[in-house]
C-alpha atoms as a PDB file:
ATOM      1  CA  UNK A   1       9.814  -0.528  23.827  1.00  0.00           C
ATOM      2  CA  UNK A   2       6.627  -0.491  21.734  1.00  0.00           C
ATOM      3  CA  UNK A   3       8.581  -0.797  18.480  1.00  0.00           C
ATOM      4  CA  UNK A   4      10.281  -3.962  19.795  1.00  0.00           C
ATOM      5  CA  UNK A   5       6.882  -5.610  20.237  1.00  0.00           C
ATOM      6  CA  UNK A   6       5.893  -4.642  16.694  1.00  0.00           C
ATOM      7  CA  UNK A   7       9.134  -5.991  15.213  1.00  0.00           C
ATOM      8  CA  UNK A   8       8.802  -9.290  17.076  1.00  0.00           C
ATOM      9  CA  UNK A   9       5.267  -9.819  15.768  1.00  0.00           C
ATOM     10  CA  UNK A  10       6.245  -9.013  12.192  1.00  0.00           C
ATOM     11  CA  UNK A  11       8.829 -11.820  12.258  1.00  0.00           C
ATOM     12  CA  UNK A  12       5.965 -14.288  11.814  1.00  0.00           C
ATOM     13  CA  UNK A  13       6.145 -13.329   8.108  1.00  0.00           C
ATOM     14  CA  UNK A  14       2.385 -13.635   7.668  1.00  0.00           C
ATOM     15  CA  UNK A  15       0.262 -10.639   6.696  1.00  0.00           C
ATOM     16  CA  UNK A  16      -3.320  -9.720   5.937  1.00  0.00           C
ATOM     17  CA  UNK A  17      -3.596  -6.991   3.283  1.00  0.00           C
ATOM     18  CA  UNK A  18      -6.993  -5.309   3.396  1.00  0.00           C
ATOM     19  CA  UNK A  19      -8.371  -3.125   0.612  1.00  0.00           C
ATOM     20  CA  UNK A  20      -8.586  -2.860  -3.130  1.00  0.00           C
ATOM     21  CA  UNK A  21      -7.253  -4.990  -5.940  1.00  0.00           C
ATOM     22  CA  UNK A  22      -8.098  -4.428  -9.596  1.00  0.00           C
ATOM     23  CA  UNK A  23      -7.001  -4.673 -13.199  1.00  0.00           C
ATOM     24  CA  UNK A  24      -4.447  -2.291 -14.703  1.00  0.00           C
ATOM     25  CA  UNK A  25      -4.205  -1.630 -18.456  1.00  0.00           C
ATOM     26  CA  UNK A  26      -0.943  -0.210 -19.853  1.00  0.00           C
ATOM     27  CA  UNK A  27      -0.646   1.163 -23.402  1.00  0.00           C
ATOM     28  CA  UNK A  28       2.081  -0.675 -25.282  1.00  0.00           C
ATOM     29  CA  UNK A  29       4.862  -0.130 -26.100  1.00  0.00           C
ATOM     30  CA  UNK A  30       5.987   1.950 -23.074  1.00  0.00           C
ATOM     31  CA  UNK A  31       5.809   5.674 -23.745  1.00  0.00           C
ATOM     32  CA  UNK A  32       2.650   5.410 -25.869  1.00  0.00           C
ATOM     33  CA  UNK A  33       0.029   8.055 -25.153  1.00  0.00           C
ATOM     34  CA  UNK A  34      -3.312   6.554 -24.215  1.00  0.00           C
ATOM     35  CA  UNK A  35      -5.277   8.219 -27.018  1.00  0.00           C
ATOM     36  CA  UNK A  36      -2.871   6.823 -29.612  1.00  0.00           C
ATOM     37  CA  UNK A  37      -2.713   3.286 -28.259  1.00  0.00           C
ATOM     38  CA  UNK A  38      -3.881   0.217 -30.152  1.00  0.00           C
ATOM     39  CA  UNK A  39      -2.360  -2.400 -27.832  1.00  0.00           C
ATOM     40  CA  UNK A  40      -2.578  -2.765 -24.060  1.00  0.00           C
ATOM     41  CA  UNK A  41      -1.145  -5.218 -21.544  1.00  0.00           C
ATOM     42  CA  UNK A  42      -3.253  -6.298 -18.556  1.00  0.00           C
ATOM     43  CA  UNK A  43      -1.877  -6.668 -15.029  1.00  0.00           C
ATOM     44  CA  UNK A  44      -3.008  -7.037 -11.450  1.00  0.00           C
ATOM     45  CA  UNK A  45      -3.184  -3.679  -9.692  1.00  0.00           C
ATOM     46  CA  UNK A  46      -4.638  -1.898  -6.667  1.00  0.00           C
ATOM     47  CA  UNK A  47      -2.767  -0.972  -3.500  1.00  0.00           C
ATOM     48  CA  UNK A  48      -3.686  -3.908  -1.263  1.00  0.00           C
ATOM     49  CA  UNK A  49      -3.194  -6.390  -4.089  1.00  0.00           C
ATOM     50  CA  UNK A  50       0.185  -4.931  -5.075  1.00  0.00           C
ATOM     51  CA  UNK A  51       1.404  -4.970  -1.471  1.00  0.00           C
ATOM     52  CA  UNK A  52       0.352  -8.598  -1.133  1.00  0.00           C
ATOM     53  CA  UNK A  53       2.349  -9.479  -4.252  1.00  0.00           C
ATOM     54  CA  UNK A  54       5.383  -7.533  -3.023  1.00  0.00           C
ATOM     55  CA  UNK A  55       5.358  -9.485   0.233  1.00  0.00           C
ATOM     56  CA  UNK A  56       4.820 -12.850  -1.451  1.00  0.00           C
ATOM     57  CA  UNK A  57       7.746 -12.252  -3.833  1.00  0.00           C
ATOM     58  CA  UNK A  58       9.944 -11.544  -0.813  1.00  0.00           C
ATOM     59  CA  UNK A  59       9.096 -14.792   0.947  1.00  0.00           C
ATOM     60  CA  UNK A  60       6.221 -13.764   3.225  1.00  0.00           C
ATOM     61  CA  UNK A  61       2.729 -15.220   3.442  1.00  0.00           C
ATOM     62  CA  UNK A  62       0.156 -12.728   2.233  1.00  0.00           C
ATOM     63  CA  UNK A  63      -3.628 -12.977   2.282  1.00  0.00           C
ATOM     64  CA  UNK A  64      -5.917 -10.404   0.666  1.00  0.00           C
ATOM     65  CA  UNK A  65      -9.211  -9.325   2.226  1.00  0.00           C
ATOM     66  CA  UNK A  66     -11.573  -7.570  -0.197  1.00  0.00           C
ATOM     67  CA  UNK A  67     -14.547  -8.049  -2.515  1.00  0.00           C
ATOM     68  CA  UNK A  68     -14.526  -8.836  -6.256  1.00  0.00           C
ATOM     69  CA  UNK A  69     -17.270  -8.373  -8.819  1.00  0.00           C
ATOM     70  CA  UNK A  70     -18.913 -11.518 -10.184  1.00  0.00           C
ATOM     71  CA  UNK A  71     -17.553 -11.128 -13.698  1.00  0.00           C
ATOM     72  CA  UNK A  72     -14.517 -11.717 -15.886  1.00  0.00           C
ATOM     73  CA  UNK A  73     -12.567  -8.795 -14.380  1.00  0.00           C
ATOM     74  CA  UNK A  74     -13.092 -10.069 -10.862  1.00  0.00           C
ATOM     75  CA  UNK A  75     -11.990 -13.534 -11.946  1.00  0.00           C
ATOM     76  CA  UNK A  76      -8.927 -12.087 -13.694  1.00  0.00           C
ATOM     77  CA  UNK A  77      -7.807 -10.348 -10.492  1.00  0.00           C
ATOM     78  CA  UNK A  78      -8.456 -13.389  -8.317  1.00  0.00           C
ATOM     79  CA  UNK A  79      -6.550 -15.635 -10.720  1.00  0.00           C
ATOM     80  CA  UNK A  80      -3.529 -13.327 -10.902  1.00  0.00           C
ATOM     81  CA  UNK A  81      -3.337 -13.044  -7.119  1.00  0.00           C
ATOM     82  CA  UNK A  82      -3.216 -16.812  -6.788  1.00  0.00           C
ATOM     83  CA  UNK A  83      -0.509 -17.020  -9.462  1.00  0.00           C
ATOM     84  CA  UNK A  84       1.617 -14.641  -7.388  1.00  0.00           C
ATOM     85  CA  UNK A  85       1.022 -16.728  -4.256  1.00  0.00           C
ATOM     86  CA  UNK A  86      -1.394 -14.324  -2.536  1.00  0.00           C
ATOM     87  CA  UNK A  87      -4.209 -16.184  -0.753  1.00  0.00           C
ATOM     88  CA  UNK A  88      -7.777 -15.152  -1.610  1.00  0.00           C
ATOM     89  CA  UNK A  89      -9.853 -17.302   0.766  1.00  0.00           C
ATOM     90  CA  UNK A  90     -11.037 -14.121   2.532  1.00  0.00           C
ATOM     91  CA  UNK A  91     -12.186 -12.441  -0.700  1.00  0.00           C
ATOM     92  CA  UNK A  92     -15.957 -12.357  -1.267  1.00  0.00           C
ATOM     93  CA  UNK A  93     -17.681 -12.252  -4.657  1.00  0.00           C
ATOM     94  CA  UNK A  94     -20.428  -9.624  -4.930  1.00  0.00           C
ATOM     95  CA  UNK A  95     -23.115  -9.457  -7.612  1.00  0.00           C
ATOM     96  CA  UNK A  96     -25.360  -6.720  -8.915  1.00  0.00           C
ATOM     97  CA  UNK A  97     -23.875  -3.637 -10.563  1.00  0.00           C
ATOM     98  CA  UNK A  98     -20.664  -3.486  -8.529  1.00  0.00           C
ATOM     99  CA  UNK A  99     -17.426  -3.647 -10.515  1.00  0.00           C
ATOM    100  CA  UNK A 100     -13.824  -4.500  -9.738  1.00  0.00           C
ATOM    101  CA  UNK A 101     -11.710  -1.399 -10.354  1.00  0.00           C
ATOM    102  CA  UNK A 102     -10.022  -0.781 -13.702  1.00  0.00           C
ATOM    103  CA  UNK A 103      -7.086   1.606 -14.140  1.00  0.00           C
ATOM    104  CA  UNK A 104      -5.680   2.650 -17.515  1.00  0.00           C
ATOM    105  CA  UNK A 105      -2.209   4.056 -16.903  1.00  0.00           C
ATOM    106  CA  UNK A 106       0.522   5.305 -19.222  1.00  0.00           C
ATOM    107  CA  UNK A 107       4.120   4.187 -18.885  1.00  0.00           C
ATOM    108  CA  UNK A 108       5.775   7.595 -19.155  1.00  0.00           C
ATOM    109  CA  UNK A 109       6.952  10.256 -16.717  1.00  0.00           C
ATOM    110  CA  UNK A 110       5.925  13.481 -18.443  1.00  0.00           C
ATOM    111  CA  UNK A 111       2.205  14.264 -18.211  1.00  0.00           C
ATOM    112  CA  UNK A 112       1.465  10.640 -17.301  1.00  0.00           C
ATOM    113  CA  UNK A 113      -2.255  10.026 -17.649  1.00  0.00           C
ATOM    114  CA  UNK A 114      -3.981   7.663 -15.213  1.00  0.00           C
ATOM    115  CA  UNK A 115      -7.698   7.056 -15.722  1.00  0.00           C
ATOM    116  CA  UNK A 116      -9.344   5.004 -12.974  1.00  0.00           C
ATOM    117  CA  UNK A 117     -12.854   3.551 -13.142  1.00  0.00           C
ATOM    118  CA  UNK A 118     -14.315   3.075  -9.648  1.00  0.00           C
ATOM    119  CA  UNK A 119     -18.028   3.778  -9.986  1.00  0.00           C
ATOM    120  CA  UNK A 120     -19.766   1.197  -7.811  1.00  0.00           C
ATOM    121  CA  UNK A 121     -16.392  -0.231  -6.744  1.00  0.00           C
ATOM    122  CA  UNK A 122     -16.669  -3.823  -5.540  1.00  0.00           C
ATOM    123  CA  UNK A 123     -14.017  -3.362  -2.839  1.00  0.00           C
ATOM    124  CA  UNK A 124     -16.177  -0.723  -1.139  1.00  0.00           C
ATOM    125  CA  UNK A 125     -18.727  -3.520  -0.548  1.00  0.00           C
ATOM    126  CA  UNK A 126     -16.479  -5.167   2.057  1.00  0.00           C
ATOM    127  CA  UNK A 127     -18.413  -5.032   5.335  1.00  0.00           C
ATOM    128  CA  UNK A 128     -17.797  -5.838   9.017  1.00  0.00           C
ATOM    129  CA  UNK A 129     -19.066  -9.373   8.469  1.00  0.00           C
ATOM    130  CA  UNK A 130     -16.208  -9.970   6.020  1.00  0.00           C
ATOM    131  CA  UNK A 131     -13.602  -9.277   8.697  1.00  0.00           C
ATOM    132  CA  UNK A 132     -15.223 -10.774  11.801  1.00  0.00           C
ATOM    133  CA  UNK A 133     -13.956 -14.282  11.072  1.00  0.00           C
ATOM    134  CA  UNK A 134     -10.305 -13.401  10.492  1.00  0.00           C
ATOM    135  CA  UNK A 135      -7.704 -15.068  12.710  1.00  0.00           C
ATOM    136  CA  UNK A 136      -6.091 -11.874  13.930  1.00  0.00           C
ATOM    137  CA  UNK A 137      -3.863 -13.555  16.492  1.00  0.00           C
ATOM    138  CA  UNK A 138      -2.234 -15.844  13.902  1.00  0.00           C
ATOM    139  CA  UNK A 139      -0.755 -13.144  11.669  1.00  0.00           C
ATOM    140  CA  UNK A 140       2.278 -10.957  12.177  1.00  0.00           C
ATOM    141  CA  UNK A 141       0.716  -7.772  10.854  1.00  0.00           C
ATOM    142  CA  UNK A 142      -2.405  -6.329   9.260  1.00  0.00           C
ATOM    143  CA  UNK A 143      -1.983  -3.843   6.424  1.00  0.00           C
ATOM    144  CA  UNK A 144      -4.787  -1.351   5.822  1.00  0.00           C
ATOM    145  CA  UNK A 145      -5.218   0.528   2.565  1.00  0.00           C
ATOM    146  CA  UNK A 146      -6.550   4.006   3.315  1.00  0.00           C
ATOM    147  CA  UNK A 147      -8.751   4.049   0.216  1.00  0.00           C
ATOM    148  CA  UNK A 148     -11.064   1.594   1.972  1.00  0.00           C
ATOM    149  CA  UNK A 149     -11.899   4.347   4.474  1.00  0.00           C
ATOM    150  CA  UNK A 150     -13.446   6.561   1.780  1.00  0.00           C
ATOM    151  CA  UNK A 151     -16.917   4.971   1.711  1.00  0.00           C
ATOM    152  CA  UNK A 152     -19.294   2.620   3.471  1.00  0.00           C
ATOM    153  CA  UNK A 153     -19.534  -0.221   4.264  1.00  0.00           C
ATOM    154  CA  UNK A 154     -15.771  -0.740   3.814  1.00  0.00           C
ATOM    155  CA  UNK A 155     -15.076   2.139   6.215  1.00  0.00           C
ATOM    156  CA  UNK A 156     -16.919   0.344   8.999  1.00  0.00           C
ATOM    157  CA  UNK A 157     -15.072  -2.855   8.080  1.00  0.00           C
ATOM    158  CA  UNK A 158     -11.716  -1.114   8.542  1.00  0.00           C
ATOM    159  CA  UNK A 159     -12.668   0.237  11.946  1.00  0.00           C
ATOM    160  CA  UNK A 160     -13.876  -3.253  12.927  1.00  0.00           C
ATOM    161  CA  UNK A 161     -10.449  -4.592  11.891  1.00  0.00           C
ATOM    162  CA  UNK A 162      -8.756  -1.963  14.049  1.00  0.00           C
ATOM    163  CA  UNK A 163     -10.891  -2.920  17.042  1.00  0.00           C
ATOM    164  CA  UNK A 164     -10.285  -6.655  16.683  1.00  0.00           C
ATOM    165  CA  UNK A 165      -6.583  -6.309  15.935  1.00  0.00           C
ATOM    166  CA  UNK A 166      -6.181  -4.335  19.158  1.00  0.00           C
ATOM    167  CA  UNK A 167      -7.935  -7.109  21.079  1.00  0.00           C
ATOM    168  CA  UNK A 168      -5.567  -9.692  19.561  1.00  0.00           C
ATOM    169  CA  UNK A 169      -2.452  -7.545  20.080  1.00  0.00           C
ATOM    170  CA  UNK A 170      -1.644  -7.682  16.351  1.00  0.00           C
ATOM    171  CA  UNK A 171       0.259  -4.759  14.770  1.00  0.00           C
ATOM    172  CA  UNK A 172      -1.671  -2.518  12.393  1.00  0.00           C
ATOM    173  CA  UNK A 173       0.113  -0.888   9.464  1.00  0.00           C
ATOM    174  CA  UNK A 174      -1.652   1.686   7.305  1.00  0.00           C
ATOM    175  CA  UNK A 175      -0.749   3.129   3.923  1.00  0.00           C
ATOM    176  CA  UNK A 176      -2.800   6.321   3.768  1.00  0.00           C
ATOM    177  CA  UNK A 177      -3.326   5.857  -0.012  1.00  0.00           C
ATOM    178  CA  UNK A 178      -5.359   9.043  -0.431  1.00  0.00           C
ATOM    179  CA  UNK A 179      -7.387   9.209  -3.646  1.00  0.00           C
ATOM    180  CA  UNK A 180      -9.321  12.502  -3.617  1.00  0.00           C
ATOM    181  CA  UNK A 181     -11.923  11.357  -6.155  1.00  0.00           C
ATOM    182  CA  UNK A 182     -13.073   8.654  -3.687  1.00  0.00           C
ATOM    183  CA  UNK A 183     -13.967  11.112  -0.919  1.00  0.00           C
ATOM    184  CA  UNK A 184     -16.964  13.404  -0.577  1.00  0.00           C
ATOM    185  CA  UNK A 185     -14.766  16.225   0.731  1.00  0.00           C
ATOM    186  CA  UNK A 186     -11.338  17.015   2.124  1.00  0.00           C
ATOM    187  CA  UNK A 187     -12.988  17.715   5.483  1.00  0.00           C
ATOM    188  CA  UNK A 188     -14.426  14.203   5.597  1.00  0.00           C
ATOM    189  CA  UNK A 189     -11.047  12.727   4.660  1.00  0.00           C
ATOM    190  CA  UNK A 190      -9.342  14.723   7.423  1.00  0.00           C
ATOM    191  CA  UNK A 191     -11.753  13.485  10.095  1.00  0.00           C
ATOM    192  CA  UNK A 192     -11.694   9.819   9.080  1.00  0.00           C
ATOM    193  CA  UNK A 193      -7.960   9.580   8.406  1.00  0.00           C
ATOM    194  CA  UNK A 194      -7.122  11.268  11.711  1.00  0.00           C
ATOM    195  CA  UNK A 195      -9.277   8.799  13.610  1.00  0.00           C
ATOM    196  CA  UNK A 196      -7.899   5.722  11.823  1.00  0.00           C
ATOM    197  CA  UNK A 197      -4.178   6.481  11.729  1.00  0.00           C
ATOM    198  CA  UNK A 198      -4.099   7.494  15.386  1.00  0.00           C
ATOM    199  CA  UNK A 199      -4.985   3.868  16.223  1.00  0.00           C
ATOM    200  CA  UNK A 200      -2.348   2.166  14.045  1.00  0.00           C
ATOM    201  CA  UNK A 201       1.177   1.031  14.943  1.00  0.00           C
ATOM    202  CA  UNK A 202       2.955   1.988  11.702  1.00  0.00           C
ATOM    203  CA  UNK A 203       1.670   4.878   9.580  1.00  0.00           C
ATOM    204  CA  UNK A 204       3.040   5.563   6.094  1.00  0.00           C
ATOM    205  CA  UNK A 205       2.065   8.500   3.920  1.00  0.00           C
ATOM    206  CA  UNK A 206       3.438  11.277   1.761  1.00  0.00           C
ATOM    207  CA  UNK A 207       3.437  15.025   2.267  1.00  0.00           C
ATOM    208  CA  UNK A 208       0.049  15.420   0.560  1.00  0.00           C
ATOM    209  CA  UNK A 209      -1.569  12.673   2.640  1.00  0.00           C
ATOM    210  CA  UNK A 210      -0.315  13.950   5.979  1.00  0.00           C
ATOM    211  CA  UNK A 211      -1.380  17.400   4.848  1.00  0.00           C
ATOM    212  CA  UNK A 212      -4.917  16.075   4.323  1.00  0.00           C
ATOM    213  CA  UNK A 213      -4.962  14.576   7.822  1.00  0.00           C
ATOM    214  CA  UNK A 214      -3.645  17.871   9.220  1.00  0.00           C
ATOM    215  CA  UNK A 215      -6.159  19.941   7.273  1.00  0.00           C
ATOM    216  CA  UNK A 216      -3.273  21.989   5.874  1.00  0.00           C
ATOM    217  CA  UNK A 217      -0.589  20.683   3.519  1.00  0.00           C
ATOM    218  CA  UNK A 218       2.041  22.945   5.049  1.00  0.00           C
ATOM    219  CA  UNK A 219       1.473  21.326   8.448  1.00  0.00           C
ATOM    220  CA  UNK A 220       1.873  17.714   7.293  1.00  0.00           C
ATOM    221  CA  UNK A 221       5.292  17.106   8.847  1.00  0.00           C
ATOM    222  CA  UNK A 222       4.349  18.804  12.099  1.00  0.00           C
ATOM    223  CA  UNK A 223       1.235  16.646  12.205  1.00  0.00           C
ATOM    224  CA  UNK A 224       3.314  13.481  11.644  1.00  0.00           C
ATOM    225  CA  UNK A 225       5.715  14.485  14.413  1.00  0.00           C
ATOM    226  CA  UNK A 226       2.849  15.029  16.826  1.00  0.00           C
ATOM    227  CA  UNK A 227       1.197  11.762  15.751  1.00  0.00           C
ATOM    228  CA  UNK A 228       4.187   9.602  16.686  1.00  0.00           C
ATOM    229  CA  UNK A 229       4.094  11.004  20.205  1.00  0.00           C
ATOM    230  CA  UNK A 230       0.759   9.225  20.592  1.00  0.00           C
ATOM    231  CA  UNK A 231      -0.232   5.671  19.527  1.00  0.00           C
ATOM    232  CA  UNK A 232       1.889   4.851  16.424  1.00  0.00           C
ATOM    233  CA  UNK A 233       5.342   3.448  17.163  1.00  0.00           C
ATOM    234  CA  UNK A 234       6.606   4.379  13.687  1.00  0.00           C
ATOM    235  CA  UNK A 235       5.545   7.106  11.259  1.00  0.00           C
ATOM    236  CA  UNK A 236       7.176   7.371   7.826  1.00  0.00           C
ATOM    237  CA  UNK A 237       6.757  10.695   6.066  1.00  0.00           C
ATOM    238  CA  UNK A 238       7.599  10.332   2.367  1.00  0.00           C
ATOM    239  CA  UNK A 239       8.865  13.378   0.478  1.00  0.00           C
ATOM    240  CA  UNK A 240       9.163  12.183  -3.130  1.00  0.00           C
ATOM    241  CA  UNK A 241      12.520  13.111  -4.647  1.00  0.00           C
ATOM    242  CA  UNK A 242      13.666  14.358  -1.224  1.00  0.00           C
ATOM    243  CA  UNK A 243      13.446  10.870   0.277  1.00  0.00           C
ATOM    244  CA  UNK A 244      11.701  10.168   3.576  1.00  0.00           C
ATOM    245  CA  UNK A 245      11.755  10.986   7.266  1.00  0.00           C
ATOM    246  CA  UNK A 246      11.170   8.124   9.707  1.00  0.00           C
ATOM    247  CA  UNK A 247       9.832   9.141  13.103  1.00  0.00           C
ATOM    248  CA  UNK A 248       9.753   7.011  16.247  1.00  0.00           C
ATOM    249  CA  UNK A 249       9.257   7.792  19.913  1.00  0.00           C
ATOM    250  CA  UNK A 250      13.029   7.556  20.344  1.00  0.00           C
ATOM    251  CA  UNK A 251      14.030   9.896  17.532  1.00  0.00           C
ATOM    252  CA  UNK A 252      14.070  10.267  13.767  1.00  0.00           C
ATOM    253  CA  UNK A 253      16.259   9.737  10.712  1.00  0.00           C
ATOM    254  CA  UNK A 254      16.218  10.803   7.069  1.00  0.00           C
ATOM    255  CA  UNK A 255      16.728   8.495   4.085  1.00  0.00           C
ATOM    256  CA  UNK A 256      17.553   9.589   0.549  1.00  0.00           C
ATOM    257  CA  UNK A 257      16.465   7.992  -2.713  1.00  0.00           C
ATOM    258  CA  UNK A 258      18.113   5.815  -5.340  1.00  0.00           C
ATOM    259  CA  UNK A 259      18.535   7.665  -8.628  1.00  0.00           C
ATOM    260  CA  UNK A 260      17.253   5.487 -11.472  1.00  0.00           C
ATOM    261  CA  UNK A 261      15.998   5.844 -15.040  1.00  0.00           C
ATOM    262  CA  UNK A 262      12.312   5.751 -14.171  1.00  0.00           C
ATOM    263  CA  UNK A 263       9.723   5.132 -16.886  1.00  0.00           C
ATOM    264  CA  UNK A 264       6.601   5.744 -14.779  1.00  0.00           C
ATOM    265  CA  UNK A 265       5.623   7.267 -11.420  1.00  0.00           C
ATOM    266  CA  UNK A 266       3.189   4.574 -10.236  1.00  0.00           C
ATOM    267  CA  UNK A 267       3.648   1.642  -7.875  1.00  0.00           C
ATOM    268  CA  UNK A 268       6.434   3.107  -5.752  1.00  0.00           C
ATOM    269  CA  UNK A 269       4.364   3.391  -2.575  1.00  0.00           C
ATOM    270  CA  UNK A 270       3.134  -0.191  -2.704  1.00  0.00           C
ATOM    271  CA  UNK A 271       6.668  -1.453  -3.391  1.00  0.00           C
ATOM    272  CA  UNK A 272       8.010   0.609  -0.487  1.00  0.00           C
ATOM    273  CA  UNK A 273       5.487  -0.929   1.907  1.00  0.00           C
ATOM    274  CA  UNK A 274       6.218  -4.485   0.760  1.00  0.00           C
ATOM    275  CA  UNK A 275       9.988  -4.037   0.873  1.00  0.00           C
ATOM    276  CA  UNK A 276       9.881  -2.375   4.292  1.00  0.00           C
ATOM    277  CA  UNK A 277       7.691  -4.999   5.963  1.00  0.00           C
ATOM    278  CA  UNK A 278       9.527  -7.945   4.412  1.00  0.00           C
ATOM    279  CA  UNK A 279      12.799  -6.503   5.720  1.00  0.00           C
ATOM    280  CA  UNK A 280      11.405  -6.101   9.240  1.00  0.00           C
ATOM    281  CA  UNK A 281       9.996  -9.630   9.043  1.00  0.00           C
ATOM    282  CA  UNK A 282      13.524 -10.808   8.240  1.00  0.00           C
ATOM    283  CA  UNK A 283      14.937  -9.121  11.360  1.00  0.00           C
ATOM    284  CA  UNK A 284      16.529  -6.109   9.655  1.00  0.00           C
ATOM    285  CA  UNK A 285      16.656  -2.974  11.784  1.00  0.00           C
ATOM    286  CA  UNK A 286      14.387  -0.067  10.934  1.00  0.00           C
ATOM    287  CA  UNK A 287      16.963   1.969   8.988  1.00  0.00           C
ATOM    288  CA  UNK A 288      17.895  -1.061   6.868  1.00  0.00           C
ATOM    289  CA  UNK A 289      14.208  -1.799   6.287  1.00  0.00           C
ATOM    290  CA  UNK A 290      13.519   1.741   5.059  1.00  0.00           C
ATOM    291  CA  UNK A 291      16.454   1.404   2.662  1.00  0.00           C
ATOM    292  CA  UNK A 292      15.065  -1.875   1.314  1.00  0.00           C
ATOM    293  CA  UNK A 293      11.653  -0.269   0.896  1.00  0.00           C
ATOM    294  CA  UNK A 294      13.268   2.649  -0.923  1.00  0.00           C
ATOM    295  CA  UNK A 295      15.146   0.257  -3.218  1.00  0.00           C
ATOM    296  CA  UNK A 296      11.963  -1.685  -3.965  1.00  0.00           C
ATOM    297  CA  UNK A 297      10.232   1.549  -4.957  1.00  0.00           C
ATOM    298  CA  UNK A 298      13.145   2.530  -7.213  1.00  0.00           C
ATOM    299  CA  UNK A 299      13.055  -0.814  -9.018  1.00  0.00           C
ATOM    300  CA  UNK A 300       9.318  -0.733  -9.674  1.00  0.00           C
ATOM    301  CA  UNK A 301       9.318   2.671 -11.366  1.00  0.00           C
ATOM    302  CA  UNK A 302      11.856   1.404 -13.915  1.00  0.00           C
ATOM    303  CA  UNK A 303       9.474  -1.291 -15.198  1.00  0.00           C
ATOM    304  CA  UNK A 304       6.043  -1.589 -16.788  1.00  0.00           C
ATOM    305  CA  UNK A 305       3.166  -2.273 -14.386  1.00  0.00           C
ATOM    306  CA  UNK A 306       3.297  -2.566 -10.612  1.00  0.00           C
ATOM    307  CA  UNK A 307       2.544  -6.087  -9.378  1.00  0.00           C
ATOM    308  CA  UNK A 308       4.695  -7.805 -11.995  1.00  0.00           C
ATOM    309  CA  UNK A 309       7.525  -5.338 -11.306  1.00  0.00           C
ATOM    310  CA  UNK A 310       7.781  -6.100  -7.574  1.00  0.00           C
ATOM    311  CA  UNK A 311      11.348  -7.289  -6.891  1.00  0.00           C
ATOM    312  CA  UNK A 312      12.625 -10.588  -5.527  1.00  0.00           C
ATOM    313  CA  UNK A 313      15.387 -10.904  -2.933  1.00  0.00           C
ATOM    314  CA  UNK A 314      17.906 -11.532  -5.720  1.00  0.00           C
ATOM    315  CA  UNK A 315      16.845  -8.429  -7.644  1.00  0.00           C
ATOM    316  CA  UNK A 316      17.059  -6.307  -4.508  1.00  0.00           C
ATOM    317  CA  UNK A 317      20.516  -7.627  -3.672  1.00  0.00           C
ATOM    318  CA  UNK A 318      21.787  -6.903  -7.185  1.00  0.00           C
ATOM    319  CA  UNK A 319      20.271  -3.420  -7.132  1.00  0.00           C
ATOM    320  CA  UNK A 320      21.683  -2.501  -3.716  1.00  0.00           C
ATOM    321  CA  UNK A 321      25.171  -3.556  -4.743  1.00  0.00           C
ATOM    322  CA  UNK A 322      24.977  -1.362  -7.833  1.00  0.00           C
ATOM    323  CA  UNK A 323      23.305   1.784  -6.443  1.00  0.00           C
ATOM    324  CA  UNK A 324      23.909   4.264  -3.640  1.00  0.00           C
ATOM    325  CA  UNK A 325      21.432   6.436  -1.773  1.00  0.00           C
ATOM    326  CA  UNK A 326      21.392  10.138  -2.506  1.00  0.00           C
ATOM    327  CA  UNK A 327      22.636  12.342   0.355  1.00  0.00           C
ATOM    328  CA  UNK A 328      20.090  13.912   2.714  1.00  0.00           C
END
């Protein structure tokens, strides 16, 4: 079966994570509204960076592919990645007026404000030349962050990755990671997402993101169900508090959530991806892997920041012994 090939490749426990990494500022102490803050803590952020950290903390090799600005923020992000054990040899420094992304995010659930600065984003400067020299055959999986599809030249870089990964027979995993402010229009997002995700092996997104690809939010699940009948071996449709539906060519299953005392809504998707892939790399079956991804997401929303909150094996084991999934 196609999914068996994917699972066997992932057992190499080596991943390329392609897309954005940046700096996150959090008002301190937790619960502080941004406009009233006088103290902030700084952390590594950005979807591809967070996923790389999640994998590294769970015993996998992770390498980031992106571009950083030639300034203190770019150096901060690069330094933090290395501290977490994420390789940066495929990250290029770009000059001029490009800037590594900065997000200022509150640690609170009600009316949580997230202000993201991405004008002239350095990660959008990644081009096909940055990905031509990657050793696609040596890795177990390549993780694409959908934000990189929103602009050129990073869009062309992502499609070059897809082409070369296919040639090498390496599984492609995409987190749709839709950020509407990065796209010129919903119509453009629909066209580009549809083209990209139809060529990947594992596709992960939420109801909004599949709705964008479908061109109609109400048709998101139907779109996901049709998608898995084509190229992808696995499609995971996330439904927030209602859990997730995992679709394969052989059937589907629903997974609930772990009820926790969350302090923020951010980081759950990146934690889910890292937990899921690390589980598959460790030979867990797909249902077990989705549960581990769900647990990882639940842990991260109970802590400040995203990258620093990614769980270890020990933290996951403790959590799973103490919590039960909600019914579906």
